[in-house]
Structure formats: structure tokens, C-alpha cells
Amino acid sequence: MVDQTRYKLCYFVPPTSLQATKDAIFGTNLAGIFSSLTDVNKTLYTDVCWETSGTGRFIPGPDSTPDIGTPGQLEVLEEVRVEVQVRGKENVKHVVDALKQAHPYEVPVYEVYRMEEF
């Protein structure tokens, strides 16, 4: 049986790299897919996500090679928070790998949550 456990992937990205990261995760054909409640094999929507803008901040360490910012100096910048649903633990791993490849940050900031059915 195929793992239908729902997970939410949440990540933060500069607006200039938003489309590239979405292309990467949706390009896996594993993320942002919503199926019929009565038939999980019947896809109703694809490329579904939530985006909201906010402000991020960080200080790159002395051994970092930041895409944005200078080691030792506070960087404050606009970022977009993206939330997307993925079904199946192995699928989440593939989607996160795609995100890491497309994301500009040396260490992409992301979180994965298991979602419960009610």
C-alpha cells in the first residue's frame, strides 16, 4: 500500500529565488497535490501552496560562504514563507532534496511537519 501520510513542508526563500524553488519542488510531481477525499488516485488540484512575505535576519558566521550578506554582519531581508503539502515520507525526502538543489542559501531553512487526519 502506498504511504498516504500527509506532511507539510515549510521553507523560507528570498523573493528572487521563489519561482526557482517552486519549479523544483512541483517538478518532482510529488508536492502540492490535492486528491479527491473519496479517491486518492483522482487528482483535483496541483501546484498548491501558501505564500506569505516577511522579514528574515541572520549573521553569517566566519566560516560561511553566504549567497546574501557578509560574514560577521547582520543581514535583514525580505523573505517568502512557502507551505506545501506532500504525501508519503519518502516523497518528502525527494521534495526536500529538490528544494536544497534549487535554494540559494548555503543552508536552506525548512521544516517538515506530519499532519493528522480528522
PDB file of N, CA and C in Angstrom:
ATOM      1  N   MET A   1       0.840  -1.188   0.000  1.00  0.00           N
ATOM      2  CA  MET A   1       0.000   0.000   0.000  1.00  0.00           C
ATOM      3  C   MET A   1       0.886   1.253   0.000  1.00  0.00           C
ATOM      4  N   VAL A   2       0.494   2.236  -0.757  1.00  0.00           N
ATOM      5  CA  VAL A   2       1.247   3.482  -0.873  1.00  0.00           C
ATOM      6  C   VAL A   2       1.032   4.335   0.378  1.00  0.00           C
ATOM      7  N   ASP A   3       2.109   4.885   0.903  1.00  0.00           N
ATOM      8  CA  ASP A   3       2.050   5.742   2.093  1.00  0.00           C
ATOM      9  C   ASP A   3       1.299   7.030   1.759  1.00  0.00           C
ATOM     10  N   GLN A   4       0.164   7.248   2.399  1.00  0.00           N
ATOM     11  CA  GLN A   4      -0.647   8.446   2.172  1.00  0.00           C
ATOM     12  C   GLN A   4      -0.556   9.434   3.337  1.00  0.00           C
ATOM     13  N   THR A   5       0.407   9.215   4.244  1.00  0.00           N
ATOM     14  CA  THR A   5       0.593  10.137   5.361  1.00  0.00           C
ATOM     15  C   THR A   5       0.883  11.530   4.816  1.00  0.00           C
ATOM     16  N   ARG A   6       0.173  12.514   5.351  1.00  0.00           N
ATOM     17  CA  ARG A   6       0.351  13.890   4.872  1.00  0.00           C
ATOM     18  C   ARG A   6       1.415  14.604   5.694  1.00  0.00           C
ATOM     19  N   TYR A   7       2.267  15.343   4.993  1.00  0.00           N
ATOM     20  CA  TYR A   7       3.298  16.168   5.609  1.00  0.00           C
ATOM     21  C   TYR A   7       3.191  17.576   5.050  1.00  0.00           C
ATOM     22  N   LYS A   8       3.591  18.541   5.851  1.00  0.00           N
ATOM     23  CA  LYS A   8       3.677  19.916   5.373  1.00  0.00           C
ATOM     24  C   LYS A   8       5.140  20.320   5.367  1.00  0.00           C
ATOM     25  N   LEU A   9       5.600  20.757   4.213  1.00  0.00           N
ATOM     26  CA  LEU A   9       6.936  21.324   4.068  1.00  0.00           C
ATOM     27  C   LEU A   9       6.785  22.833   4.085  1.00  0.00           C
ATOM     28  N   CYS A  10       7.528  23.471   4.959  1.00  0.00           N
ATOM     29  CA  CYS A  10       7.535  24.927   5.074  1.00  0.00           C
ATOM     30  C   CYS A  10       8.973  25.379   4.876  1.00  0.00           C
ATOM     31  N   TYR A  11       9.182  26.356   3.987  1.00  0.00           N
ATOM     32  CA  TYR A  11      10.536  26.867   3.797  1.00  0.00           C
ATOM     33  C   TYR A  11      10.514  28.373   3.569  1.00  0.00           C
ATOM     34  N   PHE A  12      11.684  28.979   3.730  1.00  0.00           N
ATOM     35  CA  PHE A  12      11.851  30.425   3.599  1.00  0.00           C
ATOM     36  C   PHE A  12      12.854  30.692   2.488  1.00  0.00           C
ATOM     37  N   VAL A  13      12.541  31.662   1.618  1.00  0.00           N
ATOM     38  CA  VAL A  13      13.377  31.911   0.447  1.00  0.00           C
ATOM     39  C   VAL A  13      13.288  33.384   0.054  1.00  0.00           C
ATOM     40  N   PRO A  14      14.377  33.966  -0.473  1.00  0.00           N
ATOM     41  CA  PRO A  14      14.291  35.333  -0.978  1.00  0.00           C
ATOM     42  C   PRO A  14      13.336  35.376  -2.182  1.00  0.00           C
ATOM     43  N   PRO A  15      12.604  36.471  -2.363  1.00  0.00           N
ATOM     44  CA  PRO A  15      11.657  36.571  -3.480  1.00  0.00           C
ATOM     45  C   PRO A  15      12.294  36.292  -4.841  1.00  0.00           C
ATOM     46  N   THR A  16      13.560  36.644  -5.010  1.00  0.00           N
ATOM     47  CA  THR A  16      14.225  36.440  -6.299  1.00  0.00           C
ATOM     48  C   THR A  16      14.426  34.963  -6.642  1.00  0.00           C
ATOM     49  N   SER A  17      14.349  34.091  -5.646  1.00  0.00           N
ATOM     50  CA  SER A  17      14.524  32.651  -5.877  1.00  0.00           C
ATOM     51  C   SER A  17      13.237  31.866  -5.656  1.00  0.00           C
ATOM     52  N   LEU A  18      12.144  32.560  -5.406  1.00  0.00           N
ATOM     53  CA  LEU A  18      10.870  31.901  -5.121  1.00  0.00           C
ATOM     54  C   LEU A  18      10.439  30.980  -6.257  1.00  0.00           C
ATOM     55  N   GLN A  19      10.409  31.492  -7.472  1.00  0.00           N
ATOM     56  CA  GLN A  19       9.913  30.694  -8.594  1.00  0.00           C
ATOM     57  C   GLN A  19      10.798  29.480  -8.856  1.00  0.00           C
ATOM     58  N   ALA A  20      12.103  29.648  -8.744  1.00  0.00           N
ATOM     59  CA  ALA A  20      13.020  28.516  -8.974  1.00  0.00           C
ATOM     60  C   ALA A  20      12.777  27.391  -7.968  1.00  0.00           C
ATOM     61  N   THR A  21      12.527  27.748  -6.706  1.00  0.00           N
ATOM     62  CA  THR A  21      12.285  26.706  -5.702  1.00  0.00           C
ATOM     63  C   THR A  21      10.937  26.032  -5.939  1.00  0.00           C
ATOM     64  N   LYS A  22       9.921  26.812  -6.309  1.00  0.00           N
ATOM     65  CA  LYS A  22       8.612  26.202  -6.597  1.00  0.00           C
ATOM     66  C   LYS A  22       8.693  25.306  -7.828  1.00  0.00           C
ATOM     67  N   ASP A  23       9.405  25.754  -8.860  1.00  0.00           N
ATOM     68  CA  ASP A  23       9.578  24.906 -10.046  1.00  0.00           C
ATOM     69  C   ASP A  23      10.238  23.586  -9.666  1.00  0.00           C
ATOM     70  N   ALA A  24      11.222  23.642  -8.782  1.00  0.00           N
ATOM     71  CA  ALA A  24      11.941  22.431  -8.368  1.00  0.00           C
ATOM     72  C   ALA A  24      11.043  21.481  -7.590  1.00  0.00           C
ATOM     73  N   ILE A  25      10.323  21.994  -6.600  1.00  0.00           N
ATOM     74  CA  ILE A  25       9.509  21.083  -5.785  1.00  0.00           C
ATOM     75  C   ILE A  25       8.288  20.576  -6.548  1.00  0.00           C
ATOM     76  N   PHE A  26       7.646  21.451  -7.333  1.00  0.00           N
ATOM     77  CA  PHE A  26       6.497  20.988  -8.109  1.00  0.00           C
ATOM     78  C   PHE A  26       6.942  20.109  -9.275  1.00  0.00           C
ATOM     79  N   GLY A  27       8.168  20.298  -9.738  1.00  0.00           N
ATOM     80  CA  GLY A  27       8.717  19.477 -10.813  1.00  0.00           C
ATOM     81  C   GLY A  27       8.915  18.023 -10.425  1.00  0.00           C
ATOM     82  N   THR A  28       8.921  17.735  -9.133  1.00  0.00           N
ATOM     83  CA  THR A  28       9.021  16.343  -8.679  1.00  0.00           C
ATOM     84  C   THR A  28       7.710  15.593  -8.901  1.00  0.00           C
ATOM     85  N   ASN A  29       6.629  16.333  -9.120  1.00  0.00           N
ATOM     86  CA  ASN A  29       5.276  15.763  -9.224  1.00  0.00           C
ATOM     87  C   ASN A  29       4.874  15.022  -7.953  1.00  0.00           C
ATOM     88  N   LEU A  30       5.422  15.471  -6.814  1.00  0.00           N
ATOM     89  CA  LEU A  30       5.122  14.859  -5.519  1.00  0.00           C
ATOM     90  C   LEU A  30       4.571  15.864  -4.517  1.00  0.00           C
ATOM     91  N   ALA A  31       4.636  17.152  -4.821  1.00  0.00           N
ATOM     92  CA  ALA A  31       4.276  18.199  -3.861  1.00  0.00           C
ATOM     93  C   ALA A  31       3.096  19.023  -4.362  1.00  0.00           C
ATOM     94  N   GLY A  32       2.298  19.503  -3.402  1.00  0.00           N
ATOM     95  CA  GLY A  32       1.202  20.399  -3.742  1.00  0.00           C
ATOM     96  C   GLY A  32       0.094  19.741  -4.527  1.00  0.00           C
ATOM     97  N   ILE A  33      -0.135  18.462  -4.276  1.00  0.00           N
ATOM     98  CA  ILE A  33      -1.168  17.711  -4.995  1.00  0.00           C
ATOM     99  C   ILE A  33      -2.318  17.425  -4.039  1.00  0.00           C
ATOM    100  N   PHE A  34      -3.517  17.800  -4.450  1.00  0.00           N
ATOM    101  CA  PHE A  34      -4.704  17.528  -3.647  1.00  0.00           C
ATOM    102  C   PHE A  34      -5.623  16.605  -4.420  1.00  0.00           C
ATOM    103  N   SER A  35      -5.954  15.480  -3.793  1.00  0.00           N
ATOM    104  CA  SER A  35      -6.777  14.453  -4.408  1.00  0.00           C
ATOM    105  C   SER A  35      -8.189  14.498  -3.856  1.00  0.00           C
ATOM    106  N   SER A  36      -9.055  13.766  -4.513  1.00  0.00           N
ATOM    107  CA  SER A  36     -10.426  13.603  -4.055  1.00  0.00           C
ATOM    108  C   SER A  36     -10.428  12.976  -2.663  1.00  0.00           C
ATOM    109  N   LEU A  37     -11.344  13.395  -1.809  1.00  0.00           N
ATOM    110  CA  LEU A  37     -11.441  12.819  -0.465  1.00  0.00           C
ATOM    111  C   LEU A  37     -11.879  11.359  -0.501  1.00  0.00           C
ATOM    112  N   THR A  38     -12.566  10.969  -1.566  1.00  0.00           N
ATOM    113  CA  THR A  38     -13.052   9.594  -1.663  1.00  0.00           C
ATOM    114  C   THR A  38     -12.175   8.704  -2.528  1.00  0.00           C
ATOM    115  N   ASP A  39     -11.273   9.303  -3.312  1.00  0.00           N
ATOM    116  CA  ASP A  39     -10.398   8.522  -4.191  1.00  0.00           C
ATOM    117  C   ASP A  39      -9.053   9.231  -4.315  1.00  0.00           C
ATOM    118  N   VAL A  40      -8.053   8.768  -3.540  1.00  0.00           N
ATOM    119  CA  VAL A  40      -6.743   9.438  -3.526  1.00  0.00           C
ATOM    120  C   VAL A  40      -6.033   9.356  -4.872  1.00  0.00           C
ATOM    121  N   ASN A  41      -6.490   8.485  -5.756  1.00  0.00           N
ATOM    122  CA  ASN A  41      -5.882   8.381  -7.086  1.00  0.00           C
ATOM    123  C   ASN A  41      -6.457   9.398  -8.073  1.00  0.00           C
ATOM    124  N   LYS A  42      -7.467  10.139  -7.648  1.00  0.00           N
ATOM    125  CA  LYS A  42      -8.098  11.148  -8.509  1.00  0.00           C
ATOM    126  C   LYS A  42      -7.577  12.530  -8.102  1.00  0.00           C
ATOM    127  N   THR A  43      -6.670  13.083  -8.898  1.00  0.00           N
ATOM    128  CA  THR A  43      -6.063  14.384  -8.606  1.00  0.00           C
ATOM    129  C   THR A  43      -7.019  15.503  -8.995  1.00  0.00           C
ATOM    130  N   LEU A  44      -7.302  16.384  -8.041  1.00  0.00           N
ATOM    131  CA  LEU A  44      -8.184  17.521  -8.298  1.00  0.00           C
ATOM    132  C   LEU A  44      -7.417  18.815  -8.513  1.00  0.00           C
ATOM    133  N   TYR A  45      -6.297  18.992  -7.790  1.00  0.00           N
ATOM    134  CA  TYR A  45      -5.509  20.229  -7.883  1.00  0.00           C
ATOM    135  C   TYR A  45      -4.026  19.893  -7.815  1.00  0.00           C
ATOM    136  N   THR A  46      -3.206  20.681  -8.525  1.00  0.00           N
ATOM    137  CA  THR A  46      -1.755  20.530  -8.454  1.00  0.00           C
ATOM    138  C   THR A  46      -1.110  21.890  -8.210  1.00  0.00           C
ATOM    139  N   ASP A  47       0.160  21.878  -7.845  1.00  0.00           N
ATOM    140  CA  ASP A  47       0.949  23.095  -7.608  1.00  0.00           C
ATOM    141  C   ASP A  47       0.312  24.002  -6.550  1.00  0.00           C
ATOM    142  N   VAL A  48      -0.265  23.380  -5.532  1.00  0.00           N
ATOM    143  CA  VAL A  48      -0.939  24.112  -4.462  1.00  0.00           C
ATOM    144  C   VAL A  48       0.072  24.483  -3.377  1.00  0.00           C
ATOM    145  N   CYS A  49       0.090  25.750  -2.993  1.00  0.00           N
ATOM    146  CA  CYS A  49       0.947  26.180  -1.890  1.00  0.00           C
ATOM    147  C   CYS A  49       0.395  27.464  -1.285  1.00  0.00           C
ATOM    148  N   TRP A  50       0.933  27.820  -0.141  1.00  0.00           N
ATOM    149  CA  TRP A  50       0.619  29.073   0.535  1.00  0.00           C
ATOM    150  C   TRP A  50       1.901  29.872   0.604  1.00  0.00           C
ATOM    151  N   GLU A  51       1.825  31.153   0.278  1.00  0.00           N
ATOM    152  CA  GLU A  51       2.992  32.028   0.331  1.00  0.00           C
ATOM    153  C   GLU A  51       2.645  33.271   1.137  1.00  0.00           C
ATOM    154  N   THR A  52       3.564  33.700   1.959  1.00  0.00           N
ATOM    155  CA  THR A  52       3.398  34.955   2.680  1.00  0.00           C
ATOM    156  C   THR A  52       4.766  35.605   2.838  1.00  0.00           C
ATOM    157  N   SER A  53       4.796  36.922   2.764  1.00  0.00           N
ATOM    158  CA  SER A  53       6.060  37.658   2.870  1.00  0.00           C
ATOM    159  C   SER A  53       6.338  38.055   4.309  1.00  0.00           C
ATOM    160  N   GLY A  54       7.610  38.133   4.632  1.00  0.00           N
ATOM    161  CA  GLY A  54       8.026  38.542   5.964  1.00  0.00           C
ATOM    162  C   GLY A  54       9.468  39.006   5.934  1.00  0.00           C
ATOM    163  N   THR A  55      10.014  39.222   7.112  1.00  0.00           N
ATOM    164  CA  THR A  55      11.386  39.700   7.237  1.00  0.00           C
ATOM    165  C   THR A  55      12.227  38.650   7.940  1.00  0.00           C
ATOM    166  N   GLY A  56      13.341  38.297   7.324  1.00  0.00           N
ATOM    167  CA  GLY A  56      14.289  37.362   7.922  1.00  0.00           C
ATOM    168  C   GLY A  56      15.537  38.105   8.356  1.00  0.00           C
ATOM    169  N   ARG A  57      16.282  37.500   9.260  1.00  0.00           N
ATOM    170  CA  ARG A  57      17.538  38.109   9.717  1.00  0.00           C
ATOM    171  C   ARG A  57      18.512  37.022  10.110  1.00  0.00           C
ATOM    172  N   PHE A  58      19.791  37.309   9.924  1.00  0.00           N
ATOM    173  CA  PHE A  58      20.836  36.364  10.297  1.00  0.00           C
ATOM    174  C   PHE A  58      22.184  37.071  10.257  1.00  0.00           C
ATOM    175  N   ILE A  59      23.141  36.480  10.945  1.00  0.00           N
ATOM    176  CA  ILE A  59      24.530  36.930  10.885  1.00  0.00           C
ATOM    177  C   ILE A  59      25.349  35.745  10.374  1.00  0.00           C
ATOM    178  N   PRO A  60      25.907  35.838   9.173  1.00  0.00           N
ATOM    179  CA  PRO A  60      26.738  34.748   8.676  1.00  0.00           C
ATOM    180  C   PRO A  60      27.980  34.561   9.557  1.00  0.00           C
ATOM    181  N   GLY A  61      28.305  33.316   9.844  1.00  0.00           N
ATOM    182  CA  GLY A  61      29.486  33.013  10.653  1.00  0.00           C
ATOM    183  C   GLY A  61      30.774  33.182   9.861  1.00  0.00           C
ATOM    184  N   PRO A  62      31.917  33.168  10.552  1.00  0.00           N
ATOM    185  CA  PRO A  62      33.207  33.401   9.892  1.00  0.00           C
ATOM    186  C   PRO A  62      33.578  32.322   8.870  1.00  0.00           C
ATOM    187  N   ASP A  63      33.044  31.126   9.014  1.00  0.00           N
ATOM    188  CA  ASP A  63      33.356  30.047   8.073  1.00  0.00           C
ATOM    189  C   ASP A  63      32.292  29.871   6.994  1.00  0.00           C
ATOM    190  N   SER A  64      31.312  30.776   6.954  1.00  0.00           N
ATOM    191  CA  SER A  64      30.227  30.655   5.981  1.00  0.00           C
ATOM    192  C   SER A  64      30.624  31.256   4.635  1.00  0.00           C
ATOM    193  N   THR A  65      29.883  30.848   3.623  1.00  0.00           N
ATOM    194  CA  THR A  65      30.011  31.420   2.285  1.00  0.00           C
ATOM    195  C   THR A  65      28.601  31.816   1.859  1.00  0.00           C
ATOM    196  N   PRO A  66      28.079  32.917   2.397  1.00  0.00           N
ATOM    197  CA  PRO A  66      26.680  33.268   2.162  1.00  0.00           C
ATOM    198  C   PRO A  66      26.417  33.751   0.736  1.00  0.00           C
ATOM    199  N   ASP A  67      25.250  33.369   0.218  1.00  0.00           N
ATOM    200  CA  ASP A  67      24.789  33.888  -1.064  1.00  0.00           C
ATOM    201  C   ASP A  67      24.377  35.346  -0.902  1.00  0.00           C
ATOM    202  N   ILE A  68      23.863  35.652   0.277  1.00  0.00           N
ATOM    203  CA  ILE A  68      23.442  37.011   0.623  1.00  0.00           C
ATOM    204  C   ILE A  68      24.106  37.364   1.946  1.00  0.00           C
ATOM    205  N   GLY A  69      24.670  38.552   2.057  1.00  0.00           N
ATOM    206  CA  GLY A  69      25.254  39.008   3.311  1.00  0.00           C
ATOM    207  C   GLY A  69      26.762  38.844   3.367  1.00  0.00           C
ATOM    208  N   THR A  70      27.327  39.331   4.478  1.00  0.00           N
ATOM    209  CA  THR A  70      28.766  39.316   4.722  1.00  0.00           C
ATOM    210  C   THR A  70      29.020  38.690   6.086  1.00  0.00           C
ATOM    211  N   PRO A  71      29.971  37.755   6.175  1.00  0.00           N
ATOM    212  CA  PRO A  71      30.262  37.149   7.477  1.00  0.00           C
ATOM    213  C   PRO A  71      30.502  38.208   8.562  1.00  0.00           C
ATOM    214  N   GLY A  72      29.856  37.980   9.710  1.00  0.00           N
ATOM    215  CA  GLY A  72      30.015  38.871  10.852  1.00  0.00           C
ATOM    216  C   GLY A  72      29.104  40.082  10.863  1.00  0.00           C
ATOM    217  N   GLN A  73      28.322  40.290   9.801  1.00  0.00           N
ATOM    218  CA  GLN A  73      27.443  41.460   9.736  1.00  0.00           C
ATOM    219  C   GLN A  73      25.982  41.021   9.678  1.00  0.00           C
ATOM    220  N   LEU A  74      25.149  41.708  10.465  1.00  0.00           N
ATOM    221  CA  LEU A  74      23.719  41.417  10.483  1.00  0.00           C
ATOM    222  C   LEU A  74      23.116  41.685   9.107  1.00  0.00           C
ATOM    223  N   GLU A  75      22.354  40.731   8.622  1.00  0.00           N
ATOM    224  CA  GLU A  75      21.638  40.866   7.352  1.00  0.00           C
ATOM    225  C   GLU A  75      20.140  40.780   7.652  1.00  0.00           C
ATOM    226  N   VAL A  76      19.389  41.761   7.210  1.00  0.00           N
ATOM    227  CA  VAL A  76      17.935  41.778   7.355  1.00  0.00           C
ATOM    228  C   VAL A  76      17.370  41.869   5.943  1.00  0.00           C
ATOM    229  N   LEU A  77      16.476  40.951   5.594  1.00  0.00           N
ATOM    230  CA  LEU A  77      15.985  40.921   4.225  1.00  0.00           C
ATOM    231  C   LEU A  77      14.569  40.392   4.138  1.00  0.00           C
ATOM    232  N   GLU A  78      13.920  40.723   3.036  1.00  0.00           N
ATOM    233  CA  GLU A  78      12.591  40.203   2.765  1.00  0.00           C
ATOM    234  C   GLU A  78      12.729  38.737   2.370  1.00  0.00           C
ATOM    235  N   GLU A  79      11.846  37.911   2.910  1.00  0.00           N
ATOM    236  CA  GLU A  79      11.794  36.504   2.544  1.00  0.00           C
ATOM    237  C   GLU A  79      10.339  36.110   2.348  1.00  0.00           C
ATOM    238  N   VAL A  80      10.139  35.007   1.653  1.00  0.00           N
ATOM    239  CA  VAL A  80       8.809  34.454   1.457  1.00  0.00           C
ATOM    240  C   VAL A  80       8.756  33.112   2.170  1.00  0.00           C
ATOM    241  N   ARG A  81       7.701  32.913   2.952  1.00  0.00           N
ATOM    242  CA  ARG A  81       7.451  31.614   3.589  1.00  0.00           C
ATOM    243  C   ARG A  81       6.518  30.851   2.651  1.00  0.00           C
ATOM    244  N   VAL A  82       6.910  29.646   2.297  1.00  0.00           N
ATOM    245  CA  VAL A  82       6.115  28.801   1.410  1.00  0.00           C
ATOM    246  C   VAL A  82       5.733  27.541   2.173  1.00  0.00           C
ATOM    247  N   GLU A  83       4.456  27.180   2.105  1.00  0.00           N
ATOM    248  CA  GLU A  83       3.968  25.954   2.733  1.00  0.00           C
ATOM    249  C   GLU A  83       3.339  25.088   1.658  1.00  0.00           C
ATOM    250  N   VAL A  84       3.708  23.817   1.652  1.00  0.00           N
ATOM    251  CA  VAL A  84       3.199  22.898   0.639  1.00  0.00           C
ATOM    252  C   VAL A  84       2.985  21.522   1.261  1.00  0.00           C
ATOM    253  N   GLN A  85       1.951  20.835   0.812  1.00  0.00           N
ATOM    254  CA  GLN A  85       1.642  19.500   1.321  1.00  0.00           C
ATOM    255  C   GLN A  85       2.291  18.435   0.441  1.00  0.00           C
ATOM    256  N   VAL A  86       2.781  17.385   1.092  1.00  0.00           N
ATOM    257  CA  VAL A  86       3.371  16.241   0.393  1.00  0.00           C
ATOM    258  C   VAL A  86       2.845  14.979   1.067  1.00  0.00           C
ATOM    259  N   ARG A  87       2.481  13.974   0.275  1.00  0.00           N
ATOM    260  CA  ARG A  87       2.028  12.698   0.838  1.00  0.00           C
ATOM    261  C   ARG A  87       3.150  11.667   0.769  1.00  0.00           C
ATOM    262  N   GLY A  88       3.419  11.023   1.901  1.00  0.00           N
ATOM    263  CA  GLY A  88       4.405   9.948   1.955  1.00  0.00           C
ATOM    264  C   GLY A  88       5.782  10.422   2.389  1.00  0.00           C
ATOM    265  N   LYS A  89       6.349   9.699   3.361  1.00  0.00           N
ATOM    266  CA  LYS A  89       7.647  10.078   3.928  1.00  0.00           C
ATOM    267  C   LYS A  89       8.762  10.079   2.882  1.00  0.00           C
ATOM    268  N   GLU A  90       8.822   9.065   2.038  1.00  0.00           N
ATOM    269  CA  GLU A  90       9.863   9.010   1.004  1.00  0.00           C
ATOM    270  C   GLU A  90       9.689  10.144   0.003  1.00  0.00           C
ATOM    271  N   ASN A  91       8.452  10.491  -0.302  1.00  0.00           N
ATOM    272  CA  ASN A  91       8.199  11.607  -1.213  1.00  0.00           C
ATOM    273  C   ASN A  91       8.709  12.920  -0.630  1.00  0.00           C
ATOM    274  N   VAL A  92       8.516  13.104   0.672  1.00  0.00           N
ATOM    275  CA  VAL A  92       9.009  14.324   1.325  1.00  0.00           C
ATOM    276  C   VAL A  92      10.524  14.419   1.165  1.00  0.00           C
ATOM    277  N   LYS A  93      11.212  13.307   1.332  1.00  0.00           N
ATOM    278  CA  LYS A  93      12.673  13.312   1.185  1.00  0.00           C
ATOM    279  C   LYS A  93      13.081  13.766  -0.213  1.00  0.00           C
ATOM    280  N   HIS A  94      12.380  13.288  -1.238  1.00  0.00           N
ATOM    281  CA  HIS A  94      12.689  13.688  -2.618  1.00  0.00           C
ATOM    282  C   HIS A  94      12.412  15.172  -2.845  1.00  0.00           C
ATOM    283  N   VAL A  95      11.307  15.658  -2.289  1.00  0.00           N
ATOM    284  CA  VAL A  95      10.951  17.069  -2.451  1.00  0.00           C
ATOM    285  C   VAL A  95      11.971  17.957  -1.736  1.00  0.00           C
ATOM    286  N   VAL A  96      12.376  17.576  -0.529  1.00  0.00           N
ATOM    287  CA  VAL A  96      13.382  18.354   0.208  1.00  0.00           C
ATOM    288  C   VAL A  96      14.712  18.359  -0.548  1.00  0.00           C
ATOM    289  N   ASP A  97      15.087  17.236  -1.128  1.00  0.00           N
ATOM    290  CA  ASP A  97      16.317  17.198  -1.935  1.00  0.00           C
ATOM    291  C   ASP A  97      16.232  18.174  -3.105  1.00  0.00           C
ATOM    292  N   ALA A  98      15.080  18.212  -3.776  1.00  0.00           N
ATOM    293  CA  ALA A  98      14.893  19.145  -4.895  1.00  0.00           C
ATOM    294  C   ALA A  98      14.970  20.589  -4.410  1.00  0.00           C
ATOM    295  N   LEU A  99      14.373  20.864  -3.246  1.00  0.00           N
ATOM    296  CA  LEU A  99      14.433  22.206  -2.665  1.00  0.00           C
ATOM    297  C   LEU A  99      15.880  22.604  -2.397  1.00  0.00           C
ATOM    298  N   LYS A 100      16.639  21.712  -1.786  1.00  0.00           N
ATOM    299  CA  LYS A 100      18.039  22.015  -1.456  1.00  0.00           C
ATOM    300  C   LYS A 100      18.857  22.329  -2.709  1.00  0.00           C
ATOM    301  N   GLN A 101      18.584  21.628  -3.795  1.00  0.00           N
ATOM    302  CA  GLN A 101      19.315  21.864  -5.044  1.00  0.00           C
ATOM    303  C   GLN A 101      18.985  23.225  -5.648  1.00  0.00           C
ATOM    304  N   ALA A 102      17.742  23.684  -5.492  1.00  0.00           N
ATOM    305  CA  ALA A 102      17.303  24.933  -6.122  1.00  0.00           C
ATOM    306  C   ALA A 102      17.469  26.158  -5.232  1.00  0.00           C
ATOM    307  N   HIS A 103      17.599  25.953  -3.936  1.00  0.00           N
ATOM    308  CA  HIS A 103      17.623  27.065  -2.979  1.00  0.00           C
ATOM    309  C   HIS A 103      18.983  27.766  -2.998  1.00  0.00           C
ATOM    310  N   PRO A 104      18.994  29.104  -2.928  1.00  0.00           N
ATOM    311  CA  PRO A 104      20.269  29.830  -2.992  1.00  0.00           C
ATOM    312  C   PRO A 104      21.080  29.803  -1.698  1.00  0.00           C
ATOM    313  N   TYR A 105      20.443  29.538  -0.567  1.00  0.00           N
ATOM    314  CA  TYR A 105      21.156  29.598   0.704  1.00  0.00           C
ATOM    315  C   TYR A 105      22.102  28.418   0.873  1.00  0.00           C
ATOM    316  N   GLU A 106      23.222  28.689   1.512  1.00  0.00           N
ATOM    317  CA  GLU A 106      24.200  27.651   1.841  1.00  0.00           C
ATOM    318  C   GLU A 106      23.545  26.559   2.695  1.00  0.00           C
ATOM    319  N   VAL A 107      22.675  26.982   3.605  1.00  0.00           N
ATOM    320  CA  VAL A 107      21.898  26.070   4.448  1.00  0.00           C
ATOM    321  C   VAL A 107      20.435  26.516   4.368  1.00  0.00           C
ATOM    322  N   PRO A 108      19.637  25.912   3.476  1.00  0.00           N
ATOM    323  CA  PRO A 108      18.233  26.314   3.354  1.00  0.00           C
ATOM    324  C   PRO A 108      17.482  26.120   4.672  1.00  0.00           C
ATOM    325  N   VAL A 109      16.614  27.059   4.970  1.00  0.00           N
ATOM    326  CA  VAL A 109      15.800  26.984   6.181  1.00  0.00           C
ATOM    327  C   VAL A 109      14.465  26.347   5.804  1.00  0.00           C
ATOM    328  N   TYR A 110      14.200  25.162   6.365  1.00  0.00           N
ATOM    329  CA  TYR A 110      12.940  24.479   6.085  1.00  0.00           C
ATOM    330  C   TYR A 110      12.534  23.650   7.298  1.00  0.00           C
ATOM    331  N   GLU A 111      11.254  23.313   7.335  1.00  0.00           N
ATOM    332  CA  GLU A 111      10.685  22.486   8.399  1.00  0.00           C
ATOM    333  C   GLU A 111       9.720  21.505   7.757  1.00  0.00           C
ATOM    334  N   VAL A 112       9.596  20.315   8.333  1.00  0.00           N
ATOM    335  CA  VAL A 112       8.637  19.325   7.864  1.00  0.00           C
ATOM    336  C   VAL A 112       7.791  18.899   9.058  1.00  0.00           C
ATOM    337  N   TYR A 113       6.477  18.937   8.878  1.00  0.00           N
ATOM    338  CA  TYR A 113       5.534  18.558   9.932  1.00  0.00           C
ATOM    339  C   TYR A 113       4.660  17.410   9.439  1.00  0.00           C
ATOM    340  N   ARG A 114       4.411  16.445  10.301  1.00  0.00           N
ATOM    341  CA  ARG A 114       3.436  15.399   9.990  1.00  0.00           C
ATOM    342  C   ARG A 114       2.054  15.965  10.287  1.00  0.00           C
ATOM    343  N   MET A 115       1.136  15.779   9.364  1.00  0.00           N
ATOM    344  CA  MET A 115      -0.226  16.293   9.524  1.00  0.00           C
ATOM    345  C   MET A 115      -1.147  15.143   9.923  1.00  0.00           C
ATOM    346  N   GLU A 116      -2.118  15.445  10.744  1.00  0.00           N
ATOM    347  CA  GLU A 116      -3.071  14.441  11.215  1.00  0.00           C
ATOM    348  C   GLU A 116      -4.368  14.509  10.413  1.00  0.00           C
ATOM    349  N   GLU A 117      -5.017  13.375  10.269  1.00  0.00           N
ATOM    350  CA  GLU A 117      -6.327  13.299   9.604  1.00  0.00           C
ATOM    351  C   GLU A 117      -7.423  13.414  10.663  1.00  0.00           C
ATOM    352  N   PHE A 118      -8.442  14.192  10.389  1.00  0.00           N
ATOM    353  CA  PHE A 118      -9.584  14.321  11.305  1.00  0.00           C
ATOM    354  C   PHE A 118     -10.875  14.116  10.558  1.00  0.00           C
TER     355      PHE A 118
END
